[in-house]
Amino acid sequence: MIPEAEFIRKEFILREMDFPESVALTRKSLLRWCSLALGLISPKETREKGFLVLDALFHFLFTKKQHPTTLDLHEYIKEKNKTEMSEKLIRYHLNRLIELGVLQRKANKYSINPSPTSEKRDSLKESFNAHVKKKVDTELEQVGEALEKLQKLYAK
């Protein structure tokens, strides 16, 4: 293993993607696009399980204005999609959003991890900007500094 690998605290995947108007026409298409852009799924993903979890989560958070539990999501997926899914798989997909920083779990209930500087406590965009964009910007600055120093070392 490369010795510097121990310095890794977190990993972000952010894909540069086209955003044609047709993507925003349906909730399903927009959900797939965001999932791909944020690296929550791979480009060759064939299973719908991750989308079903996100759809159920967003249904509770934004339509019903409730903070769901894993059991709530499990029941919703089972009823709406006639699909059986293990709670372990549901938690796996939720944990991906927690790792990203935009979701939090308190007392077994899931909610948007709010931006500390925003009045919009349930805004995904504000949460993303506070917990992901800010960190990515900081990391880009550090990489820029490291590249400048590396270039100077090679120029000697």
Foldseek 3Di string as FASTA:
>chain_A
DPPCVVVDDADWAADDDDDDPVQPPDPLSVLVVVCPRRVLDDPPDDDCVLVLLVVLCCCCCPVVVHFDALVSSQVCSCVPVVDHDDSVVSVVSVVVCVSLQQWDADPRTIAGPAQPPDPPRRDSVRRNCRRHVVVVVVVVVVVVVVVVVVVVVVVD
